[in-house]
Amino acid sequence: MRLRDHLRQETRTLHQRTEEALAGLDIRTGLGLDRFLLVHHAAVLPIERRLATCDLAACDMAERWPFRLTDLLAQDLRERALNPTEGVMASAIDHAHPLGLCYVLGGSRLGARFLLRRLSGAGPAPRYLTQAPDDAIWPWTLKLLNSPEADSAPWDAVVKAAETAFASFADALTLVGASKESIDELAV
């Protein structure tokens, strides 16, 4: 069994719960799209920070995560006059194994094409969905998960990191909240 298969098996329930929770955001509406962008910014920011500051003595991934999704999210939030949060679960993510974080972050991009179809005709699509190199992110993630580095990684720590990354999306949903008032509070 490869690490990717092990991760998929061990995190299946969390993955399904996360997808179901995020599916409740109707991105065809202004409020739903605002919440979607705020949730993703809050969840992705600490993950990308961790990947950018990875201890090179422990892993060689800091320079290899070539994507900056939070830059696109920040541009979308500015354009929509929303203040981003600083992120969620930063302390737990700061110590998470990068492979597990890459698995969740890379995998989260697989649904972007589906989301773009849902937005069709509902107004301009955000940069986060149109300018992220989704056709490159998942193949890059697969290559990483099939590398010798992944084979020798502590699989329990990688699974724990993936669980932490999935939990960051749930925490971000809670942070952003379900009401229009919570979005108004985050408006510039």
Protein backbone atom coordinates (compact mmCIF):
# COMPACT_ATOMS: atom_id res chain seq x y z
CA MET A 1 0.00 0.00 0.00
CA ARG A 2 1.21 3.49 -0.86
CA LEU A 3 0.92 6.50 1.45
CA ARG A 4 -1.80 8.07 -0.70
CA ASP A 5 -3.99 4.97 -0.37
CA HIS A 6 -3.36 4.86 3.36
CA LEU A 7 -4.29 8.55 3.72
CA ARG A 8 -7.45 8.12 1.67
CA GLN A 9 -8.49 5.13 3.79
CA GLU A 10 -7.70 6.73 7.14
CA THR A 11 -9.28 10.12 6.40
CA ARG A 12 -12.30 9.01 4.35
CA THR A 13 -14.86 9.96 7.02
CA LEU A 14 -13.32 13.39 7.68
CA HIS A 15 -13.07 14.02 3.95
CA GLN A 16 -16.77 13.25 3.48
CA ARG A 17 -17.80 15.42 6.43
CA THR A 18 -15.71 18.31 5.13
CA GLU A 19 -17.17 18.04 1.63
CA GLU A 20 -20.71 17.90 3.01
CA ALA A 21 -20.14 20.94 5.22
CA LEU A 22 -18.63 22.98 2.38
CA ALA A 23 -21.42 21.90 0.03
CA GLY A 24 -23.77 23.91 2.23
CA LEU A 25 -22.20 27.11 0.89
CA ASP A 26 -24.21 28.25 -2.12
CA ILE A 27 -21.50 29.99 -4.11
CA ARG A 28 -24.07 31.14 -6.69
CA THR A 29 -25.17 33.82 -4.22
CA GLY A 30 -23.08 36.77 -3.10
CA LEU A 31 -23.32 35.76 0.56
CA GLY A 32 -22.45 32.14 -0.22
CA LEU A 33 -19.45 33.13 -2.31
CA ASP A 34 -18.28 35.53 0.40
CA ARG A 35 -18.48 32.75 2.99
CA PHE A 36 -16.74 30.29 0.66
CA LEU A 37 -13.81 32.65 0.12
CA LEU A 38 -13.56 33.59 3.80
CA VAL A 39 -13.66 29.93 4.89
CA HIS A 40 -11.03 28.91 2.37
CA HIS A 41 -8.77 31.80 3.29
CA ALA A 42 -9.03 30.98 7.01
CA ALA A 43 -8.29 27.29 6.39
CA VAL A 44 -5.63 27.57 3.67
CA LEU A 45 -3.58 30.43 5.15
CA PRO A 46 -2.04 28.51 8.08
CA ILE A 47 -1.44 25.45 5.90
CA GLU A 48 0.48 27.44 3.30
CA ARG A 49 2.38 29.26 6.05
CA ARG A 50 3.47 25.91 7.47
CA LEU A 51 4.54 24.65 4.07
CA ALA A 52 6.50 27.85 3.44
CA THR A 53 8.35 27.61 6.77
CA CYS A 54 8.94 23.87 6.89
CA ASP A 55 12.12 22.94 8.72
CA LEU A 56 14.46 21.95 5.91
CA ALA A 57 16.35 19.65 8.24
CA ALA A 58 13.16 17.64 8.74
CA CYS A 59 11.87 17.76 5.17
CA ASP A 60 12.65 19.21 1.80
CA MET A 61 9.19 20.54 0.99
CA ALA A 62 9.37 24.25 1.75
CA GLU A 63 10.79 25.12 -1.63
CA ARG A 64 8.74 22.52 -3.44
CA TRP A 65 5.22 23.78 -2.58
CA PRO A 66 5.08 26.12 -5.58
CA PHE A 67 1.53 27.37 -5.14
CA ARG A 68 0.27 30.46 -3.30
CA LEU A 69 -3.47 30.01 -3.08
CA THR A 70 -3.80 32.54 -0.26
CA ASP A 71 -2.53 35.28 -2.58
CA LEU A 72 -5.46 34.61 -4.92
CA LEU A 73 -7.88 34.43 -2.00
CA ALA A 74 -6.60 37.71 -0.56
CA GLN A 75 -7.11 39.43 -3.93
CA ASP A 76 -10.67 38.07 -4.14
CA LEU A 77 -11.45 39.21 -0.60
CA ARG A 78 -10.08 42.71 -1.26
CA GLU A 79 -12.16 42.97 -4.42
CA ARG A 80 -15.26 41.96 -2.45
CA ALA A 81 -14.34 44.39 0.40
CA LEU A 82 -14.01 41.59 2.97
CA ASN A 83 -11.41 41.41 5.72
CA PRO A 84 -9.76 38.00 5.90
CA THR A 85 -9.24 36.30 9.23
CA GLU A 86 -5.75 35.30 10.31
CA GLY A 87 -6.49 31.63 9.89
CA VAL A 88 -7.49 28.79 12.16
CA MET A 89 -5.73 26.08 14.12
CA ALA A 90 -2.37 27.74 13.56
CA SER A 91 -0.70 26.10 16.55
CA ALA A 92 -1.80 22.59 15.53
CA ILE A 93 -0.83 23.19 11.91
CA ASP A 94 2.55 24.65 12.88
CA HIS A 95 3.64 21.19 14.00
CA ALA A 96 1.83 19.13 11.36
CA HIS A 97 3.73 16.92 8.94
CA PRO A 98 3.86 18.66 5.54
CA LEU A 99 2.88 15.55 3.56
CA GLY A 100 -0.51 15.36 5.24
CA LEU A 101 -1.09 19.06 4.67
CA CYS A 102 -0.12 18.76 0.99
CA TYR A 103 -2.50 15.81 0.58
CA VAL A 104 -5.49 17.80 1.84
CA LEU A 105 -4.60 21.09 0.19
CA GLY A 106 -3.74 19.46 -3.12
CA GLY A 107 -6.84 17.29 -3.03
CA SER A 108 -9.08 20.23 -2.22
CA ARG A 109 -8.30 21.67 -5.64
CA LEU A 110 -9.82 18.72 -7.49
CA GLY A 111 -13.29 20.18 -7.05
CA ALA A 112 -12.51 23.58 -8.56
CA ARG A 113 -13.78 22.63 -12.02
CA PHE A 114 -17.06 21.43 -10.51
CA LEU A 115 -17.37 24.66 -8.54
CA LEU A 116 -16.75 26.73 -11.66
CA ARG A 117 -19.60 24.92 -13.42
CA ARG A 118 -21.87 25.79 -10.48
CA LEU A 119 -20.92 29.44 -10.86
CA SER A 120 -21.62 29.53 -14.59
CA GLY A 121 -23.74 32.59 -15.31
CA ALA A 122 -23.85 33.68 -11.65
CA GLY A 123 -21.37 36.51 -12.10
CA PRO A 124 -17.61 36.74 -12.36
CA ALA A 125 -15.78 33.79 -10.88
CA PRO A 126 -13.15 34.47 -8.22
CA ARG A 127 -9.44 34.22 -8.97
CA TYR A 128 -9.18 31.41 -6.43
CA LEU A 129 -11.22 29.24 -8.79
CA THR A 130 -10.04 30.58 -12.14
CA GLN A 131 -6.35 31.39 -11.72
CA ALA A 132 -5.13 28.63 -9.41
CA PRO A 133 -3.10 26.12 -11.42
CA ASP A 134 -5.45 23.25 -10.57
CA ASP A 135 -4.26 21.16 -13.51
CA ALA A 136 -0.79 21.22 -11.90
CA ILE A 137 -1.58 21.02 -8.17
CA TRP A 138 -3.01 17.50 -7.94
CA PRO A 139 -0.39 15.90 -10.25
CA TRP A 140 2.31 17.63 -8.18
CA THR A 141 0.69 16.28 -5.02
CA LEU A 142 0.53 12.74 -6.45
CA LYS A 143 4.20 12.89 -7.43
CA LEU A 144 5.06 14.00 -3.91
CA LEU A 145 2.96 11.25 -2.31
CA ASN A 146 4.62 8.64 -4.53
CA SER A 147 8.14 9.85 -3.77
CA PRO A 148 10.75 7.98 -1.71
CA GLU A 149 10.34 10.77 0.87
CA ALA A 150 6.71 9.75 1.33
CA ASP A 151 7.58 6.08 1.61
CA SER A 152 9.96 6.79 4.47
CA ALA A 153 7.73 9.35 6.25
CA PRO A 154 6.10 8.52 9.61
CA TRP A 155 2.67 7.57 8.27
CA ASP A 156 0.89 8.12 11.59
CA ALA A 157 2.16 11.70 11.71
CA VAL A 158 1.16 12.27 8.09
CA VAL A 159 -2.38 10.99 8.77
CA LYS A 160 -2.61 13.19 11.88
CA ALA A 161 -1.55 16.20 9.79
CA ALA A 162 -4.21 15.42 7.19
CA GLU A 163 -6.81 15.16 9.95
CA THR A 164 -5.66 18.54 11.26
CA ALA A 165 -5.97 20.07 7.79
CA PHE A 166 -9.51 18.71 7.36
CA ALA A 167 -10.38 20.03 10.82
CA SER A 168 -9.11 23.47 9.81
CA PHE A 169 -11.88 23.69 7.20
CA ALA A 170 -14.51 22.76 9.82
CA ASP A 171 -13.08 25.34 12.21
CA ALA A 172 -13.07 27.95 9.44
CA LEU A 173 -16.75 27.26 8.76
CA THR A 174 -17.49 27.84 12.43
CA LEU A 175 -15.36 30.98 12.49
CA VAL A 176 -17.07 32.53 9.50
CA GLY A 177 -20.50 31.51 10.77
CA ALA A 178 -23.74 30.95 8.98
CA SER A 179 -25.41 34.33 9.26
CA LYS A 180 -25.26 37.37 7.02
CA GLU A 181 -24.38 39.39 10.10
CA SER A 182 -21.13 37.48 10.50
CA ILE A 183 -20.19 38.35 6.93
CA ASP A 184 -21.10 41.99 7.47
CA GLU A 185 -18.78 42.08 10.49
CA LEU A 186 -15.91 40.98 8.26
CA ALA A 187 -16.64 43.60 5.59
CA VAL A 188 -14.14 46.42 5.20
